[in-house]
Each structure stands twice: as C-alpha cells, then as structure tokens.
Amino acid sequence: MTIVWNDGSTGTITGKRLRDACPCAECRERDAKVTQFIQLGNQSEIADAVLVGGYAIRFTFRDGHADGIYPYRALYDLAEPAG
C-alpha cells in the first residue's frame, strides 16, 4: 500500500507489516504471550480498508481480522519512505 501524505511525501507499508502491528486488544495480548507469530499464506493481504472518522483507517485482512484501527500517526510511523 502506498500513502500520499498532506505534505506531498509518500510512504509504503506492506500488508504483513500492518497485520504484525495490529493495535487491537486481541493482537496486543497475543504479542505479550507469544514471542513469534507466524503468518500463514496470504492472511496478511489487505482485503478492504475503511476510513474511521477523520483520524484513522480500519483494515480487513484476508484472514478476516478487522479489529484494529490504525490512526494516521501510527501509519506514518509504520511507513517506509517511497523511493
């Protein structure tokens, strides 16, 4: 996924990076208990994205997970500058 920010800069984030950084309670609890989480197949592919108010995006992943709400600042921090 490529994001174009208001200042004109762009960043890219893979579905795997987004899924691994999911901010929902279920995923944060999992991260506290498990040292390594293995993604199987295409589960980290983004299936859908919906704006949440004016501050975030909710992604639905191929595995059906859709609980995480990613504030724009978190997306900015996760993004790698596009080349």
PDB file of N, CA and C in Angstrom:
ATOM      1  N   MET A   1       0.848  -1.152   0.000  1.00  0.00           N
ATOM      2  CA  MET A   1       0.000   0.000   0.000  1.00  0.00           C
ATOM      3  C   MET A   1       0.903   1.226   0.000  1.00  0.00           C
ATOM      4  N   THR A   2       0.523   2.227  -0.777  1.00  0.00           N
ATOM      5  CA  THR A   2       1.251   3.496  -0.793  1.00  0.00           C
ATOM      6  C   THR A   2       0.327   4.589  -0.274  1.00  0.00           C
ATOM      7  N   ILE A   3       0.857   5.415   0.612  1.00  0.00           N
ATOM      8  CA  ILE A   3       0.095   6.533   1.177  1.00  0.00           C
ATOM      9  C   ILE A   3       0.755   7.827   0.732  1.00  0.00           C
ATOM     10  N   VAL A   4      -0.061   8.773   0.276  1.00  0.00           N
ATOM     11  CA  VAL A   4       0.426  10.113  -0.032  1.00  0.00           C
ATOM     12  C   VAL A   4      -0.056  11.020   1.086  1.00  0.00           C
ATOM     13  N   TRP A   5       0.888  11.599   1.828  1.00  0.00           N
ATOM     14  CA  TRP A   5       0.572  12.448   2.973  1.00  0.00           C
ATOM     15  C   TRP A   5       0.265  13.864   2.525  1.00  0.00           C
ATOM     16  N   ASN A   6      -0.360  14.645   3.392  1.00  0.00           N
ATOM     17  CA  ASN A   6      -0.734  16.024   3.076  1.00  0.00           C
ATOM     18  C   ASN A   6       0.438  16.882   2.633  1.00  0.00           C
ATOM     19  N   ASP A   7       1.637  16.582   3.125  1.00  0.00           N
ATOM     20  CA  ASP A   7       2.806  17.384   2.744  1.00  0.00           C
ATOM     21  C   ASP A   7       3.390  16.959   1.400  1.00  0.00           C
ATOM     22  N   GLY A   8       2.743  15.982   0.734  1.00  0.00           N
ATOM     23  CA  GLY A   8       3.198  15.525  -0.574  1.00  0.00           C
ATOM     24  C   GLY A   8       4.163  14.353  -0.523  1.00  0.00           C
ATOM     25  N   SER A   9       4.670  14.013   0.656  1.00  0.00           N
ATOM     26  CA  SER A   9       5.563  12.868   0.767  1.00  0.00           C
ATOM     27  C   SER A   9       4.751  11.581   0.655  1.00  0.00           C
ATOM     28  N   THR A  10       5.418  10.504   0.297  1.00  0.00           N
ATOM     29  CA  THR A  10       4.741   9.216   0.181  1.00  0.00           C
ATOM     30  C   THR A  10       5.464   8.171   1.022  1.00  0.00           C
ATOM     31  N   GLY A  11       4.724   7.181   1.435  1.00  0.00           N
ATOM     32  CA  GLY A  11       5.288   6.075   2.192  1.00  0.00           C
ATOM     33  C   GLY A  11       4.613   4.786   1.789  1.00  0.00           C
ATOM     34  N   THR A  12       5.292   3.677   1.980  1.00  0.00           N
ATOM     35  CA  THR A  12       4.719   2.376   1.665  1.00  0.00           C
ATOM     36  C   THR A  12       4.696   1.498   2.911  1.00  0.00           C
ATOM     37  N   ILE A  13       3.656   0.666   2.988  1.00  0.00           N
ATOM     38  CA  ILE A  13       3.509  -0.277   4.094  1.00  0.00           C
ATOM     39  C   ILE A  13       3.002  -1.586   3.494  1.00  0.00           C
ATOM     40  N   THR A  14       3.661  -2.670   3.827  1.00  0.00           N
ATOM     41  CA  THR A  14       3.179  -3.971   3.358  1.00  0.00           C
ATOM     42  C   THR A  14       2.020  -4.438   4.236  1.00  0.00           C
ATOM     43  N   GLY A  15       1.200  -5.315   3.681  1.00  0.00           N
ATOM     44  CA  GLY A  15       0.119  -5.895   4.465  1.00  0.00           C
ATOM     45  C   GLY A  15       0.646  -6.650   5.666  1.00  0.00           C
ATOM     46  N   LYS A  16       1.756  -7.343   5.498  1.00  0.00           N
ATOM     47  CA  LYS A  16       2.348  -8.083   6.608  1.00  0.00           C
ATOM     48  C   LYS A  16       2.759  -7.145   7.727  1.00  0.00           C
ATOM     49  N   ARG A  17       3.377  -6.027   7.372  1.00  0.00           N
ATOM     50  CA  ARG A  17       3.795  -5.056   8.394  1.00  0.00           C
ATOM     51  C   ARG A  17       2.583  -4.509   9.144  1.00  0.00           C
ATOM     52  N   LEU A  18       1.504  -4.200   8.405  1.00  0.00           N
ATOM     53  CA  LEU A  18       0.274  -3.719   9.043  1.00  0.00           C
ATOM     54  C   LEU A  18      -0.309  -4.780   9.976  1.00  0.00           C
ATOM     55  N   ARG A  19      -0.404  -6.007   9.483  1.00  0.00           N
ATOM     56  CA  ARG A  19      -1.012  -7.076  10.284  1.00  0.00           C
ATOM     57  C   ARG A  19      -0.179  -7.357  11.531  1.00  0.00           C
ATOM     58  N   ASP A  20       1.138  -7.346  11.391  1.00  0.00           N
ATOM     59  CA  ASP A  20       2.012  -7.580  12.537  1.00  0.00           C
ATOM     60  C   ASP A  20       1.915  -6.470  13.582  1.00  0.00           C
ATOM     61  N   ALA A  21       1.557  -5.262  13.139  1.00  0.00           N
ATOM     62  CA  ALA A  21       1.474  -4.117  14.048  1.00  0.00           C
ATOM     63  C   ALA A  21       0.039  -3.817  14.479  1.00  0.00           C
ATOM     64  N   CYS A  22      -0.868  -4.748  14.260  1.00  0.00           N
ATOM     65  CA  CYS A  22      -2.273  -4.501  14.584  1.00  0.00           C
ATOM     66  C   CYS A  22      -2.416  -4.023  16.031  1.00  0.00           C
ATOM     67  N   PRO A  23      -3.110  -2.890  16.225  1.00  0.00           N
ATOM     68  CA  PRO A  23      -3.227  -2.315  17.564  1.00  0.00           C
ATOM     69  C   PRO A  23      -4.406  -2.834  18.390  1.00  0.00           C
ATOM     70  N   CYS A  24      -5.149  -3.815  17.888  1.00  0.00           N
ATOM     71  CA  CYS A  24      -6.320  -4.265  18.657  1.00  0.00           C
ATOM     72  C   CYS A  24      -5.897  -5.014  19.912  1.00  0.00           C
ATOM     73  N   ALA A  25      -6.802  -5.111  20.860  1.00  0.00           N
ATOM     74  CA  ALA A  25      -6.507  -5.754  22.147  1.00  0.00           C
ATOM     75  C   ALA A  25      -6.123  -7.221  21.975  1.00  0.00           C
ATOM     76  N   GLU A  26      -6.806  -7.920  21.091  1.00  0.00           N
ATOM     77  CA  GLU A  26      -6.501  -9.343  20.873  1.00  0.00           C
ATOM     78  C   GLU A  26      -5.059  -9.527  20.398  1.00  0.00           C
ATOM     79  N   CYS A  27      -4.633  -8.723  19.454  1.00  0.00           N
ATOM     80  CA  CYS A  27      -3.265  -8.845  18.925  1.00  0.00           C
ATOM     81  C   CYS A  27      -2.228  -8.387  19.938  1.00  0.00           C
ATOM     82  N   ARG A  28      -2.521  -7.329  20.698  1.00  0.00           N
ATOM     83  CA  ARG A  28      -1.564  -6.865  21.706  1.00  0.00           C
ATOM     84  C   ARG A  28      -1.403  -7.910  22.802  1.00  0.00           C
ATOM     85  N   GLU A  29      -2.500  -8.560  23.170  1.00  0.00           N
ATOM     86  CA  GLU A  29      -2.423  -9.622  24.176  1.00  0.00           C
ATOM     87  C   GLU A  29      -1.619 -10.794  23.633  1.00  0.00           C
ATOM     88  N   ARG A  30      -1.842 -11.146  22.377  1.00  0.00           N
ATOM     89  CA  ARG A  30      -1.092 -12.222  21.734  1.00  0.00           C
ATOM     90  C   ARG A  30       0.399 -11.911  21.760  1.00  0.00           C
ATOM     91  N   ASP A  31       0.760 -10.669  21.441  1.00  0.00           N
ATOM     92  CA  ASP A  31       2.167 -10.281  21.408  1.00  0.00           C
ATOM     93  C   ASP A  31       2.816 -10.387  22.781  1.00  0.00           C
ATOM     94  N   ALA A  32       2.040 -10.176  23.828  1.00  0.00           N
ATOM     95  CA  ALA A  32       2.589 -10.270  25.177  1.00  0.00           C
ATOM     96  C   ALA A  32       2.860 -11.726  25.564  1.00  0.00           C
ATOM     97  N   LYS A  33       2.133 -12.657  24.964  1.00  0.00           N
ATOM     98  CA  LYS A  33       2.263 -14.063  25.322  1.00  0.00           C
ATOM     99  C   LYS A  33       3.139 -14.868  24.359  1.00  0.00           C
ATOM    100  N   VAL A  34       3.231 -14.426  23.123  1.00  0.00           N
ATOM    101  CA  VAL A  34       3.922 -15.189  22.093  1.00  0.00           C
ATOM    102  C   VAL A  34       5.125 -14.408  21.601  1.00  0.00           C
ATOM    103  N   THR A  35       6.252 -15.063  21.530  1.00  0.00           N
ATOM    104  CA  THR A  35       7.454 -14.363  21.076  1.00  0.00           C
ATOM    105  C   THR A  35       7.531 -14.270  19.567  1.00  0.00           C
ATOM    106  N   GLN A  36       6.854 -15.195  18.867  1.00  0.00           N
ATOM    107  CA  GLN A  36       6.863 -15.151  17.408  1.00  0.00           C
ATOM    108  C   GLN A  36       5.500 -15.580  16.903  1.00  0.00           C
ATOM    109  N   PHE A  37       4.967 -14.797  15.986  1.00  0.00           N
ATOM    110  CA  PHE A  37       3.662 -15.090  15.404  1.00  0.00           C
ATOM    111  C   PHE A  37       3.888 -15.417  13.944  1.00  0.00           C
ATOM    112  N   ILE A  38       3.419 -16.549  13.496  1.00  0.00           N
ATOM    113  CA  ILE A  38       3.661 -16.976  12.125  1.00  0.00           C
ATOM    114  C   ILE A  38       2.425 -16.701  11.288  1.00  0.00           C
ATOM    115  N   GLN A  39       2.600 -15.932  10.227  1.00  0.00           N
ATOM    116  CA  GLN A  39       1.520 -15.686   9.279  1.00  0.00           C
ATOM    117  C   GLN A  39       1.502 -16.835   8.282  1.00  0.00           C
ATOM    118  N   LEU A  40       0.342 -17.382   8.017  1.00  0.00           N
ATOM    119  CA  LEU A  40       0.216 -18.461   7.062  1.00  0.00           C
ATOM    120  C   LEU A  40      -0.353 -17.938   5.756  1.00  0.00           C
ATOM    121  N   GLY A  41       0.269 -18.294   4.665  1.00  0.00           N
ATOM    122  CA  GLY A  41      -0.245 -17.946   3.349  1.00  0.00           C
ATOM    123  C   GLY A  41      -0.422 -16.454   3.150  1.00  0.00           C
ATOM    124  N   ASN A  42      -1.610 -16.097   2.667  1.00  0.00           N
ATOM    125  CA  ASN A  42      -1.910 -14.709   2.313  1.00  0.00           C
ATOM    126  C   ASN A  42      -2.737 -13.997   3.374  1.00  0.00           C
ATOM    127  N   GLN A  43      -2.680 -14.443   4.617  1.00  0.00           N
ATOM    128  CA  GLN A  43      -3.517 -13.864   5.661  1.00  0.00           C
ATOM    129  C   GLN A  43      -3.227 -12.386   5.885  1.00  0.00           C
ATOM    130  N   SER A  44      -2.029 -11.937   5.572  1.00  0.00           N
ATOM    131  CA  SER A  44      -1.698 -10.545   5.832  1.00  0.00           C
ATOM    132  C   SER A  44      -2.029  -9.642   4.649  1.00  0.00           C
ATOM    133  N   GLU A  45      -2.612 -10.197   3.588  1.00  0.00           N
ATOM    134  CA  GLU A  45      -3.027  -9.357   2.476  1.00  0.00           C
ATOM    135  C   GLU A  45      -4.228  -8.518   2.906  1.00  0.00           C
ATOM    136  N   ILE A  46      -4.247  -7.286   2.466  1.00  0.00           N
ATOM    137  CA  ILE A  46      -5.352  -6.382   2.787  1.00  0.00           C
ATOM    138  C   ILE A  46      -6.516  -6.686   1.856  1.00  0.00           C
ATOM    139  N   ALA A  47      -7.677  -6.978   2.441  1.00  0.00           N
ATOM    140  CA  ALA A  47      -8.867  -7.266   1.655  1.00  0.00           C
ATOM    141  C   ALA A  47      -9.755  -6.032   1.510  1.00  0.00           C
ATOM    142  N   ASP A  48      -9.690  -5.106   2.496  1.00  0.00           N
ATOM    143  CA  ASP A  48     -10.546  -3.922   2.468  1.00  0.00           C
ATOM    144  C   ASP A  48      -9.976  -2.874   3.416  1.00  0.00           C
ATOM    145  N   ALA A  49     -10.329  -1.630   3.180  1.00  0.00           N
ATOM    146  CA  ALA A  49      -9.925  -0.530   4.057  1.00  0.00           C
ATOM    147  C   ALA A  49     -11.068   0.476   4.130  1.00  0.00           C
ATOM    148  N   VAL A  50     -11.348   0.956   5.350  1.00  0.00           N
ATOM    149  CA  VAL A  50     -12.445   1.894   5.578  1.00  0.00           C
ATOM    150  C   VAL A  50     -11.933   3.034   6.451  1.00  0.00           C
ATOM    151  N   LEU A  51     -12.256   4.258   6.069  1.00  0.00           N
ATOM    152  CA  LEU A  51     -11.890   5.408   6.899  1.00  0.00           C
ATOM    153  C   LEU A  51     -12.692   5.384   8.187  1.00  0.00           C
ATOM    154  N   VAL A  52     -12.039   5.744   9.289  1.00  0.00           N
ATOM    155  CA  VAL A  52     -12.692   5.842  10.591  1.00  0.00           C
ATOM    156  C   VAL A  52     -12.599   7.307  10.997  1.00  0.00           C
ATOM    157  N   GLY A  53     -13.732   7.986  10.899  1.00  0.00           N
ATOM    158  CA  GLY A  53     -13.725   9.417  11.192  1.00  0.00           C
ATOM    159  C   GLY A  53     -12.683  10.113  10.335  1.00  0.00           C
ATOM    160  N   GLY A  54     -12.046  11.116  10.909  1.00  0.00           N
ATOM    161  CA  GLY A  54     -11.002  11.836  10.198  1.00  0.00           C
ATOM    162  C   GLY A  54      -9.635  11.555  10.760  1.00  0.00           C
ATOM    163  N   TYR A  55      -9.477  10.390  11.433  1.00  0.00           N
ATOM    164  CA  TYR A  55      -8.223  10.175  12.141  1.00  0.00           C
ATOM    165  C   TYR A  55      -7.576   8.814  11.922  1.00  0.00           C
ATOM    166  N   ALA A  56      -8.267   7.876  11.262  1.00  0.00           N
ATOM    167  CA  ALA A  56      -7.722   6.520  11.211  1.00  0.00           C
ATOM    168  C   ALA A  56      -8.299   5.729  10.041  1.00  0.00           C
ATOM    169  N   ILE A  57      -7.726   4.523   9.852  1.00  0.00           N
ATOM    170  CA  ILE A  57      -8.218   3.573   8.853  1.00  0.00           C
ATOM    171  C   ILE A  57      -8.348   2.209   9.531  1.00  0.00           C
ATOM    172  N   ARG A  58      -9.444   1.518   9.222  1.00  0.00           N
ATOM    173  CA  ARG A  58      -9.630   0.137   9.684  1.00  0.00           C
ATOM    174  C   ARG A  58      -9.424  -0.764   8.472  1.00  0.00           C
ATOM    175  N   PHE A  59      -8.499  -1.702   8.597  1.00  0.00           N
ATOM    176  CA  PHE A  59      -8.211  -2.647   7.526  1.00  0.00           C
ATOM    177  C   PHE A  59      -8.848  -3.984   7.833  1.00  0.00           C
ATOM    178  N   THR A  60      -9.317  -4.654   6.794  1.00  0.00           N
ATOM    179  CA  THR A  60      -9.736  -6.044   6.899  1.00  0.00           C
ATOM    180  C   THR A  60      -8.699  -6.855   6.135  1.00  0.00           C
ATOM    181  N   PHE A  61      -8.180  -7.870   6.795  1.00  0.00           N
ATOM    182  CA  PHE A  61      -7.150  -8.701   6.195  1.00  0.00           C
ATOM    183  C   PHE A  61      -7.765  -9.975   5.634  1.00  0.00           C
ATOM    184  N   ARG A  62      -7.035 -10.656   4.788  1.00  0.00           N
ATOM    185  CA  ARG A  62      -7.504 -11.867   4.124  1.00  0.00           C
ATOM    186  C   ARG A  62      -7.972 -12.916   5.131  1.00  0.00           C
ATOM    187  N   ASP A  63      -7.391 -12.919   6.334  1.00  0.00           N
ATOM    188  CA  ASP A  63      -7.809 -13.891   7.344  1.00  0.00           C
ATOM    189  C   ASP A  63      -9.095 -13.484   8.062  1.00  0.00           C
ATOM    190  N   GLY A  64      -9.700 -12.357   7.638  1.00  0.00           N
ATOM    191  CA  GLY A  64     -10.950 -11.888   8.225  1.00  0.00           C
ATOM    192  C   GLY A  64     -10.769 -10.943   9.398  1.00  0.00           C
ATOM    193  N   HIS A  65      -9.554 -10.781   9.870  1.00  0.00           N
ATOM    194  CA  HIS A  65      -9.307  -9.904  11.013  1.00  0.00           C
ATOM    195  C   HIS A  65      -9.560  -8.451  10.616  1.00  0.00           C
ATOM    196  N   ALA A  66     -10.363  -7.746  11.425  1.00  0.00           N
ATOM    197  CA  ALA A  66     -10.709  -6.355  11.111  1.00  0.00           C
ATOM    198  C   ALA A  66     -10.909  -5.527  12.373  1.00  0.00           C
ATOM    199  N   ASP A  67     -10.266  -5.904  13.474  1.00  0.00           N
ATOM    200  CA  ASP A  67     -10.495  -5.217  14.743  1.00  0.00           C
ATOM    201  C   ASP A  67      -9.586  -4.022  14.989  1.00  0.00           C
ATOM    202  N   GLY A  68      -8.477  -3.954  14.295  1.00  0.00           N
ATOM    203  CA  GLY A  68      -7.523  -2.878  14.548  1.00  0.00           C
ATOM    204  C   GLY A  68      -7.889  -1.586  13.842  1.00  0.00           C
ATOM    205  N   ILE A  69      -7.802  -0.496  14.573  1.00  0.00           N
ATOM    206  CA  ILE A  69      -7.985   0.841  13.994  1.00  0.00           C
ATOM    207  C   ILE A  69      -6.623   1.511  14.043  1.00  0.00           C
ATOM    208  N   TYR A  70      -6.132   1.900  12.873  1.00  0.00           N
ATOM    209  CA  TYR A  70      -4.788   2.458  12.734  1.00  0.00           C
ATOM    210  C   TYR A  70      -4.869   3.970  12.570  1.00  0.00           C
ATOM    211  N   PRO A  71      -4.566   4.731  13.620  1.00  0.00           N
ATOM    212  CA  PRO A  71      -4.538   6.193  13.486  1.00  0.00           C
ATOM    213  C   PRO A  71      -3.506   6.595  12.432  1.00  0.00           C
ATOM    214  N   TYR A  72      -3.745   7.713  11.776  1.00  0.00           N
ATOM    215  CA  TYR A  72      -2.831   8.168  10.729  1.00  0.00           C
ATOM    216  C   TYR A  72      -1.397   8.274  11.233  1.00  0.00           C
ATOM    217  N   ARG A  73      -1.218   8.722  12.463  1.00  0.00           N
ATOM    218  CA  ARG A  73       0.147   8.853  13.000  1.00  0.00           C
ATOM    219  C   ARG A  73       0.840   7.495  13.069  1.00  0.00           C
ATOM    220  N   ALA A  74       0.105   6.462  13.460  1.00  0.00           N
ATOM    221  CA  ALA A  74       0.683   5.118  13.508  1.00  0.00           C
ATOM    222  C   ALA A  74       1.064   4.649  12.109  1.00  0.00           C
ATOM    223  N   LEU A  75       0.205   4.941  11.125  1.00  0.00           N
ATOM    224  CA  LEU A  75       0.529   4.583   9.748  1.00  0.00           C
ATOM    225  C   LEU A  75       1.765   5.328   9.263  1.00  0.00           C
ATOM    226  N   TYR A  76       1.863   6.601   9.621  1.00  0.00           N
ATOM    227  CA  TYR A  76       3.033   7.393   9.250  1.00  0.00           C
ATOM    228  C   TYR A  76       4.306   6.768   9.839  1.00  0.00           C
ATOM    229  N   ASP A  77       4.221   6.340  11.083  1.00  0.00           N
ATOM    230  CA  ASP A  77       5.378   5.737  11.738  1.00  0.00           C
ATOM    231  C   ASP A  77       5.740   4.378  11.137  1.00  0.00           C
ATOM    232  N   LEU A  78       4.754   3.623  10.672  1.00  0.00           N
ATOM    233  CA  LEU A  78       4.999   2.318  10.071  1.00  0.00           C
ATOM    234  C   LEU A  78       5.516   2.405   8.635  1.00  0.00           C
ATOM    235  N   ALA A  79       5.182   3.490   7.961  1.00  0.00           N
ATOM    236  CA  ALA A  79       5.506   3.617   6.538  1.00  0.00           C
ATOM    237  C   ALA A  79       7.003   3.820   6.312  1.00  0.00           C
ATOM    238  N   GLU A  80       7.468   3.233   5.222  1.00  0.00           N
ATOM    239  CA  GLU A  80       8.828   3.460   4.779  1.00  0.00           C
ATOM    240  C   GLU A  80       8.768   4.448   3.630  1.00  0.00           C
ATOM    241  N   PRO A  81       9.680   5.423   3.587  1.00  0.00           N
ATOM    242  CA  PRO A  81       9.641   6.406   2.502  1.00  0.00           C
ATOM    243  C   PRO A  81       9.641   5.718   1.135  1.00  0.00           C
ATOM    244  N   ALA A  82       8.750   6.148   0.275  1.00  0.00           N
ATOM    245  CA  ALA A  82       8.696   5.584  -1.070  1.00  0.00           C
ATOM    246  C   ALA A  82       9.850   6.122  -1.896  1.00  0.00           C
ATOM    247  N   GLY A  83      10.448   5.264  -2.658  1.00  0.00           N
ATOM    248  CA  GLY A  83      11.607   5.644  -3.450  1.00  0.00           C
ATOM    249  C   GLY A  83      11.233   6.169  -4.736  1.00  0.00           C
TER     250      GLY A  83
END
